[in-house]
C-alpha atoms as a PDB file:
ATOM      1  CA  UNK A   1      41.427  35.334-136.624  1.00  0.00           C
ATOM      2  CA  UNK A   2      43.034  32.008-135.865  1.00  0.00           C
ATOM      3  CA  UNK A   3      43.949  33.343-132.509  1.00  0.00           C
ATOM      4  CA  UNK A   4      40.564  35.159-131.979  1.00  0.00           C
ATOM      5  CA  UNK A   5      38.457  31.972-131.581  1.00  0.00           C
ATOM      6  CA  UNK A   6      40.250  30.624-128.575  1.00  0.00           C
ATOM      7  CA  UNK A   7      39.916  34.064-127.004  1.00  0.00           C
ATOM      8  CA  UNK A   8      36.163  34.050-127.585  1.00  0.00           C
ATOM      9  CA  UNK A   9      35.855  30.645-126.067  1.00  0.00           C
ATOM     10  CA  UNK A  10      37.797  31.881-123.080  1.00  0.00           C
ATOM     11  CA  UNK A  11      35.418  34.836-122.672  1.00  0.00           C
ATOM     12  CA  UNK A  12      32.419  32.502-122.830  1.00  0.00           C
ATOM     13  CA  UNK A  13      33.930  30.188-120.260  1.00  0.00           C
ATOM     14  CA  UNK A  14      34.613  33.073-117.959  1.00  0.00           C
ATOM     15  CA  UNK A  15      31.026  34.248-118.297  1.00  0.00           C
ATOM     16  CA  UNK A  16      29.685  30.833-117.331  1.00  0.00           C
ATOM     17  CA  UNK A  17      32.076  30.666-114.409  1.00  0.00           C
ATOM     18  CA  UNK A  18      30.919  34.099-113.230  1.00  0.00           C
ATOM     19  CA  UNK A  19      27.297  32.973-113.406  1.00  0.00           C
ATOM     20  CA  UNK A  20      28.031  29.923-111.305  1.00  0.00           C
ATOM     21  CA  UNK A  21      30.019  31.975-108.824  1.00  0.00           C
ATOM     22  CA  UNK A  22      27.179  34.476-108.487  1.00  0.00           C
ATOM     23  CA  UNK A  23      24.683  31.727-107.572  1.00  0.00           C
ATOM     24  CA  UNK A  24      26.950  30.408-104.825  1.00  0.00           C
ATOM     25  CA  UNK A  25      27.299  33.864-103.342  1.00  0.00           C
ATOM     26  CA  UNK A  26      23.546  34.374-103.145  1.00  0.00           C
ATOM     27  CA  UNK A  27      23.045  31.160-101.109  1.00  0.00           C
ATOM     28  CA  UNK A  28      25.581  32.258 -98.457  1.00  0.00           C
ATOM     29  CA  UNK A  29      23.627  35.437 -97.623  1.00  0.00           C
ATOM     30  CA  UNK A  30      20.285  33.653 -97.149  1.00  0.00           C
ATOM     31  CA  UNK A  31      18.182  33.205 -93.919  1.00  0.00           C
ATOM     32  CA  UNK A  32      19.191  29.650 -93.043  1.00  0.00           C
ATOM     33  CA  UNK A  33      19.739  28.964 -89.263  1.00  0.00           C
ATOM     34  CA  UNK A  34      23.080  27.848 -87.913  1.00  0.00           C
ATOM     35  CA  UNK A  35      23.552  24.775 -85.755  1.00  0.00           C
ATOM     36  CA  UNK A  36      25.521  24.926 -82.586  1.00  0.00           C
ATOM     37  CA  UNK A  37      28.138  22.469 -81.498  1.00  0.00           C
ATOM     38  CA  UNK A  38      25.610  20.676 -79.315  1.00  0.00           C
ATOM     39  CA  UNK A  39      23.115  20.265 -82.125  1.00  0.00           C
ATOM     40  CA  UNK A  40      20.847  23.118 -81.062  1.00  0.00           C
ATOM     41  CA  UNK A  41      19.836  25.859 -83.396  1.00  0.00           C
ATOM     42  CA  UNK A  42      19.821  29.614 -82.992  1.00  0.00           C
ATOM     43  CA  UNK A  43      17.341  31.979 -84.500  1.00  0.00           C
ATOM     44  CA  UNK A  44      18.447  34.060 -87.483  1.00  0.00           C
ATOM     45  CA  UNK A  45      20.655  36.978 -86.536  1.00  0.00           C
ATOM     46  CA  UNK A  46      21.525  35.554 -83.102  1.00  0.00           C
ATOM     47  CA  UNK A  47      24.767  34.102 -81.846  1.00  0.00           C
ATOM     48  CA  UNK A  48      24.865  30.634 -80.366  1.00  0.00           C
ATOM     49  CA  UNK A  49      26.087  30.527 -76.790  1.00  0.00           C
ATOM     50  CA  UNK A  50      27.164  27.621 -74.633  1.00  0.00           C
ATOM     51  CA  UNK A  51      24.481  26.479 -72.206  1.00  0.00           C
ATOM     52  CA  UNK A  52      25.008  27.796 -68.670  1.00  0.00           C
ATOM     53  CA  UNK A  53      25.670  25.517 -65.727  1.00  0.00           C
ATOM     54  CA  UNK A  54      22.605  23.786 -64.347  1.00  0.00           C
ATOM     55  CA  UNK A  55      21.527  25.056 -60.911  1.00  0.00           C
ATOM     56  CA  UNK A  56      23.067  22.914 -58.199  1.00  0.00           C
ATOM     57  CA  UNK A  57      20.813  21.208 -55.683  1.00  0.00           C
ATOM     58  CA  UNK A  58      21.354  22.822 -52.224  1.00  0.00           C
ATOM     59  CA  UNK A  59      22.675  20.447 -49.523  1.00  0.00           C
ATOM     60  CA  UNK A  60      20.084  19.252 -47.001  1.00  0.00           C
ATOM     61  CA  UNK A  61      19.800  21.437 -43.915  1.00  0.00           C
ATOM     62  CA  UNK A  62      21.259  20.100 -40.653  1.00  0.00           C
ATOM     63  CA  UNK A  63      18.562  19.593 -37.985  1.00  0.00           C
ATOM     64  CA  UNK A  64      19.218  19.321 -34.260  1.00  0.00           C
ATOM     65  CA  UNK A  65      16.543  17.462 -32.334  1.00  0.00           C
ATOM     66  CA  UNK A  66      16.301  18.064 -28.600  1.00  0.00           C
ATOM     67  CA  UNK A  67      14.169  15.734 -26.529  1.00  0.00           C
ATOM     68  CA  UNK A  68      11.948  17.807 -24.241  1.00  0.00           C
ATOM     69  CA  UNK A  69       9.334  15.279 -23.087  1.00  0.00           C
ATOM     70  CA  UNK A  70       8.954  11.517 -22.717  1.00  0.00           C
ATOM     71  CA  UNK A  71       7.405   9.662 -25.620  1.00  0.00           C
ATOM     72  CA  UNK A  72       3.713   8.999 -25.495  1.00  0.00           C
ATOM     73  CA  UNK A  73       3.023   6.151 -23.127  1.00  0.00           C
ATOM     74  CA  UNK A  74       6.403   6.492 -21.357  1.00  0.00           C
ATOM     75  CA  UNK A  75       6.296   6.785 -17.583  1.00  0.00           C
ATOM     76  CA  UNK A  76       7.451  10.098 -16.114  1.00  0.00           C
ATOM     77  CA  UNK A  77       7.643   8.685 -12.572  1.00  0.00           C
ATOM     78  CA  UNK A  78      10.918   8.768 -10.683  1.00  0.00           C
ATOM     79  CA  UNK A  79      12.908   5.524 -10.930  1.00  0.00           C
ATOM     80  CA  UNK A  80      12.678   2.968  -8.158  1.00  0.00           C
ATOM     81  CA  UNK A  81      15.209   3.605  -5.408  1.00  0.00           C
ATOM     82  CA  UNK A  82      15.415   7.365  -6.021  1.00  0.00           C
ATOM     83  CA  UNK A  83      14.922   9.868  -3.209  1.00  0.00           C
ATOM     84  CA  UNK A  84      11.463  10.013  -1.629  1.00  0.00           C
ATOM     85  CA  UNK A  85       9.642  13.233  -2.470  1.00  0.00           C
ATOM     86  CA  UNK A  86       7.281  15.081  -0.161  1.00  0.00           C
ATOM     87  CA  UNK A  87       4.267  14.165  -2.285  1.00  0.00           C
ATOM     88  CA  UNK A  88       5.042  10.463  -1.804  1.00  0.00           C
ATOM     89  CA  UNK A  89       5.251  10.550   1.984  1.00  0.00           C
ATOM     90  CA  UNK A  90       2.941  10.735   4.974  1.00  0.00           C
ATOM     91  CA  UNK A  91       4.180  12.207   8.286  1.00  0.00           C
ATOM     92  CA  UNK A  92       3.153  11.407  11.840  1.00  0.00           C
ATOM     93  CA  UNK A  93       4.443  11.816  15.393  1.00  0.00           C
ATOM     94  CA  UNK A  94       4.692   8.769  17.630  1.00  0.00           C
ATOM     95  CA  UNK A  95       4.183   8.439  21.365  1.00  0.00           C
ATOM     96  CA  UNK A  96       6.429  10.296  23.795  1.00  0.00           C
ATOM     97  CA  UNK A  97       9.147   8.243  25.492  1.00  0.00           C
ATOM     98  CA  UNK A  98      10.302  10.549  28.333  1.00  0.00           C
ATOM     99  CA  UNK A  99      13.397  10.009  30.429  1.00  0.00           C
ATOM    100  CA  UNK A 100      15.794  11.984  32.670  1.00  0.00           C
ATOM    101  CA  UNK A 101      13.919  15.256  32.174  1.00  0.00           C
ATOM    102  CA  UNK A 102      13.854  14.786  28.404  1.00  0.00           C
ATOM    103  CA  UNK A 103      10.861  14.517  26.085  1.00  0.00           C
ATOM    104  CA  UNK A 104      11.466  12.179  23.136  1.00  0.00           C
ATOM    105  CA  UNK A 105       9.103  11.839  20.190  1.00  0.00           C
ATOM    106  CA  UNK A 106       9.633   9.777  17.025  1.00  0.00           C
ATOM    107  CA  UNK A 107       8.884  11.748  13.842  1.00  0.00           C
ATOM    108  CA  UNK A 108       7.793   9.149  11.292  1.00  0.00           C
ATOM    109  CA  UNK A 109       7.752   9.285   7.501  1.00  0.00           C
ATOM    110  CA  UNK A 110       5.840   6.536   5.699  1.00  0.00           C
ATOM    111  CA  UNK A 111       6.105   5.778   1.988  1.00  0.00           C
ATOM    112  CA  UNK A 112       2.579   6.317   0.645  1.00  0.00           C
ATOM    113  CA  UNK A 113       3.555   5.843  -3.017  1.00  0.00           C
ATOM    114  CA  UNK A 114       3.609   2.708  -5.171  1.00  0.00           C
ATOM    115  CA  UNK A 115       7.374   2.735  -5.755  1.00  0.00           C
ATOM    116  CA  UNK A 116      10.387   2.087  -3.566  1.00  0.00           C
ATOM    117  CA  UNK A 117      12.318   5.219  -2.561  1.00  0.00           C
ATOM    118  CA  UNK A 118      14.952   6.294  -0.029  1.00  0.00           C
ATOM    119  CA  UNK A 119      15.501   8.867   2.728  1.00  0.00           C
ATOM    120  CA  UNK A 120      18.904   9.947   4.001  1.00  0.00           C
ATOM    121  CA  UNK A 121      19.820  12.367   6.756  1.00  0.00           C
ATOM    122  CA  UNK A 122      17.869  14.676   9.055  1.00  0.00           C
ATOM    123  CA  UNK A 123      14.378  16.103   8.575  1.00  0.00           C
ATOM    124  CA  UNK A 124      13.566  19.764   8.848  1.00  0.00           C
ATOM    125  CA  UNK A 125      10.994  20.795  11.453  1.00  0.00           C
ATOM    126  CA  UNK A 126       9.218  23.810  12.940  1.00  0.00           C
ATOM    127  CA  UNK A 127       6.477  24.331  15.543  1.00  0.00           C
ATOM    128  CA  UNK A 128       3.562  26.616  14.594  1.00  0.00           C
ATOM    129  CA  UNK A 129       0.832  28.220  16.690  1.00  0.00           C
ATOM    130  CA  UNK A 130      -2.828  28.504  15.697  1.00  0.00           C
ATOM    131  CA  UNK A 131      -2.120  31.569  13.537  1.00  0.00           C
ATOM    132  CA  UNK A 132       0.661  29.803  11.655  1.00  0.00           C
ATOM    133  CA  UNK A 133       3.469  31.722  13.408  1.00  0.00           C
ATOM    134  CA  UNK A 134       6.625  29.759  14.216  1.00  0.00           C
ATOM    135  CA  UNK A 135       7.314  29.094  17.876  1.00  0.00           C
ATOM    136  CA  UNK A 136      10.972  29.067  18.867  1.00  0.00           C
ATOM    137  CA  UNK A 137      14.008  28.464  16.704  1.00  0.00           C
ATOM    138  CA  UNK A 138      14.438  25.687  14.158  1.00  0.00           C
ATOM    139  CA  UNK A 139      15.483  22.387  15.778  1.00  0.00           C
ATOM    140  CA  UNK A 140      19.173  21.567  15.618  1.00  0.00           C
ATOM    141  CA  UNK A 141      20.661  18.438  14.071  1.00  0.00           C
ATOM    142  CA  UNK A 142      21.848  15.923  16.604  1.00  0.00           C
ATOM    143  CA  UNK A 143      25.047  13.961  16.074  1.00  0.00           C
ATOM    144  CA  UNK A 144      23.873  11.143  18.311  1.00  0.00           C
ATOM    145  CA  UNK A 145      23.205   8.952  15.258  1.00  0.00           C
ATOM    146  CA  UNK A 146      25.171   8.681  12.026  1.00  0.00           C
ATOM    147  CA  UNK A 147      23.089   9.217   8.851  1.00  0.00           C
ATOM    148  CA  UNK A 148      22.363   6.074   6.863  1.00  0.00           C
ATOM    149  CA  UNK A 149      20.338   5.619   3.676  1.00  0.00           C
ATOM    150  CA  UNK A 150      16.987   4.031   4.494  1.00  0.00           C
ATOM    151  CA  UNK A 151      15.157   2.233   1.679  1.00  0.00           C
ATOM    152  CA  UNK A 152      11.384   2.409   1.949  1.00  0.00           C
ATOM    153  CA  UNK A 153       9.219  -0.032   0.050  1.00  0.00           C
ATOM    154  CA  UNK A 154       5.592   1.076  -0.319  1.00  0.00           C
ATOM    155  CA  UNK A 155       4.011   1.244   3.138  1.00  0.00           C
ATOM    156  CA  UNK A 156       7.337   1.134   5.013  1.00  0.00           C
ATOM    157  CA  UNK A 157       8.529   3.842   7.441  1.00  0.00           C
ATOM    158  CA  UNK A 158      11.590   5.638   8.784  1.00  0.00           C
ATOM    159  CA  UNK A 159      11.810   7.683  11.972  1.00  0.00           C
ATOM    160  CA  UNK A 160      13.901  10.506  13.420  1.00  0.00           C
ATOM    161  CA  UNK A 161      14.028  11.385  17.127  1.00  0.00           C
ATOM    162  CA  UNK A 162      12.766  14.818  18.245  1.00  0.00           C
ATOM    163  CA  UNK A 163      13.978  15.657  21.762  1.00  0.00           C
ATOM    164  CA  UNK A 164      13.909  18.641  24.129  1.00  0.00           C
ATOM    165  CA  UNK A 165      14.203  19.269  27.841  1.00  0.00           C
ATOM    166  CA  UNK A 166      10.951  19.345  29.787  1.00  0.00           C
ATOM    167  CA  UNK A 167      10.200  23.065  30.287  1.00  0.00           C
ATOM    168  CA  UNK A 168       9.065  22.458  33.868  1.00  0.00           C
ATOM    169  CA  UNK A 169      12.472  20.980  34.633  1.00  0.00           C
ATOM    170  CA  UNK A 170      14.651  23.353  32.600  1.00  0.00           C
ATOM    171  CA  UNK A 171      12.772  26.555  33.422  1.00  0.00           C
ATOM    172  CA  UNK A 172      12.637  27.579  29.745  1.00  0.00           C
ATOM    173  CA  UNK A 173       9.697  29.631  28.540  1.00  0.00           C
ATOM    174  CA  UNK A 174       7.201  27.311  26.864  1.00  0.00           C
ATOM    175  CA  UNK A 175       4.347  27.445  24.369  1.00  0.00           C
ATOM    176  CA  UNK A 176       1.954  24.832  23.095  1.00  0.00           C
ATOM    177  CA  UNK A 177       2.104  24.356  19.295  1.00  0.00           C
ATOM    178  CA  UNK A 178      -0.833  23.380  17.125  1.00  0.00           C
ATOM    179  CA  UNK A 179       1.159  22.096  14.142  1.00  0.00           C
ATOM    180  CA  UNK A 180       4.526  20.508  13.512  1.00  0.00           C
ATOM    181  CA  UNK A 181       5.965  21.070  10.030  1.00  0.00           C
ATOM    182  CA  UNK A 182       8.152  18.175   8.838  1.00  0.00           C
ATOM    183  CA  UNK A 183      10.309  18.544   5.720  1.00  0.00           C
ATOM    184  CA  UNK A 184      11.820  15.327   4.293  1.00  0.00           C
ATOM    185  CA  UNK A 185      15.573  15.344   3.600  1.00  0.00           C
ATOM    186  CA  UNK A 186      16.589  17.290   0.473  1.00  0.00           C
ATOM    187  CA  UNK A 187      13.005  18.463  -0.113  1.00  0.00           C
ATOM    188  CA  UNK A 188      11.543  21.976   0.096  1.00  0.00           C
ATOM    189  CA  UNK A 189       7.845  21.302   0.696  1.00  0.00           C
ATOM    190  CA  UNK A 190       6.877  20.361   4.282  1.00  0.00           C
ATOM    191  CA  UNK A 191       4.218  18.020   5.610  1.00  0.00           C
ATOM    192  CA  UNK A 192       1.852  19.251   8.334  1.00  0.00           C
ATOM    193  CA  UNK A 193       1.228  17.151  11.440  1.00  0.00           C
ATOM    194  CA  UNK A 194      -1.170  18.019  14.266  1.00  0.00           C
ATOM    195  CA  UNK A 195       0.889  18.408  17.448  1.00  0.00           C
ATOM    196  CA  UNK A 196      -0.540  16.724  20.551  1.00  0.00           C
ATOM    197  CA  UNK A 197       2.668  16.528  22.592  1.00  0.00           C
ATOM    198  CA  UNK A 198       1.981  19.468  24.902  1.00  0.00           C
ATOM    199  CA  UNK A 199       4.205  22.468  25.685  1.00  0.00           C
ATOM    200  CA  UNK A 200       7.627  22.869  24.072  1.00  0.00           C
ATOM    201  CA  UNK A 201      10.468  25.209  25.060  1.00  0.00           C
ATOM    202  CA  UNK A 202      10.644  28.344  22.920  1.00  0.00           C
ATOM    203  CA  UNK A 203      13.225  30.519  24.701  1.00  0.00           C
ATOM    204  CA  UNK A 204      15.485  30.669  27.753  1.00  0.00           C
ATOM    205  CA  UNK A 205      17.816  28.076  29.201  1.00  0.00           C
ATOM    206  CA  UNK A 206      17.759  24.572  27.695  1.00  0.00           C
ATOM    207  CA  UNK A 207      15.269  25.613  25.026  1.00  0.00           C
ATOM    208  CA  UNK A 208      17.040  23.789  22.213  1.00  0.00           C
ATOM    209  CA  UNK A 209      15.069  21.154  20.285  1.00  0.00           C
ATOM    210  CA  UNK A 210      17.143  18.460  18.534  1.00  0.00           C
ATOM    211  CA  UNK A 211      16.507  16.018  15.670  1.00  0.00           C
ATOM    212  CA  UNK A 212      18.382  12.810  14.949  1.00  0.00           C
ATOM    213  CA  UNK A 213      18.958  11.305  11.496  1.00  0.00           C
ATOM    214  CA  UNK A 214      16.409   8.882  10.054  1.00  0.00           C
ATOM    215  CA  UNK A 215      16.520   5.197  10.897  1.00  0.00           C
ATOM    216  CA  UNK A 216      14.377   2.333   9.630  1.00  0.00           C
ATOM    217  CA  UNK A 217      11.133   1.648  11.473  1.00  0.00           C
ATOM    218  CA  UNK A 218       8.622   3.699  13.448  1.00  0.00           C
ATOM    219  CA  UNK A 219      10.609   4.350  16.614  1.00  0.00           C
ATOM    220  CA  UNK A 220      12.601   2.746  19.431  1.00  0.00           C
END
């Protein structure tokens, strides 16, 4: 009996301890949410996961800008001193200066624009009849003068010599043109001039028509 009391006390203590232990176990199986390492909470029954990487901002696209037209208000006119264009010129034929069986006419180009421009070299030319058909071959370039660059201020002129043998002297077959086409150097569009210089050779001996390079002025 002396030894039975301590045993009973031990049984009672164990019972109390078991009661306490049972309460702790019930709390652990409850519905409380768990906190993640970053302080966020997950819903019951779910597993916390690390937040994914934030979407990166795409780099700005590279843009190539090509200038296709002058800015508003900018002048599109050719710069001063550039080549004279057909649209800026007026053509005429000066008075005949015959000599030694030759007919010599100055073909004149005048700057009708408001800018200064230049001509260099020989003009192109062709004689046309009333129907617009070309008479004879294209004139040849003469080497009698060396080409020089002629600067034309507005209203100023340059001339090239057009020469051929008088058909009555040379015996070449002749025709009388209505129009002379004059094409400025390095241009494609011609200017039309009414021809009043009489018959020109179109075939046979000494039928060649020649053109000199442009010089400053309106003729010799």
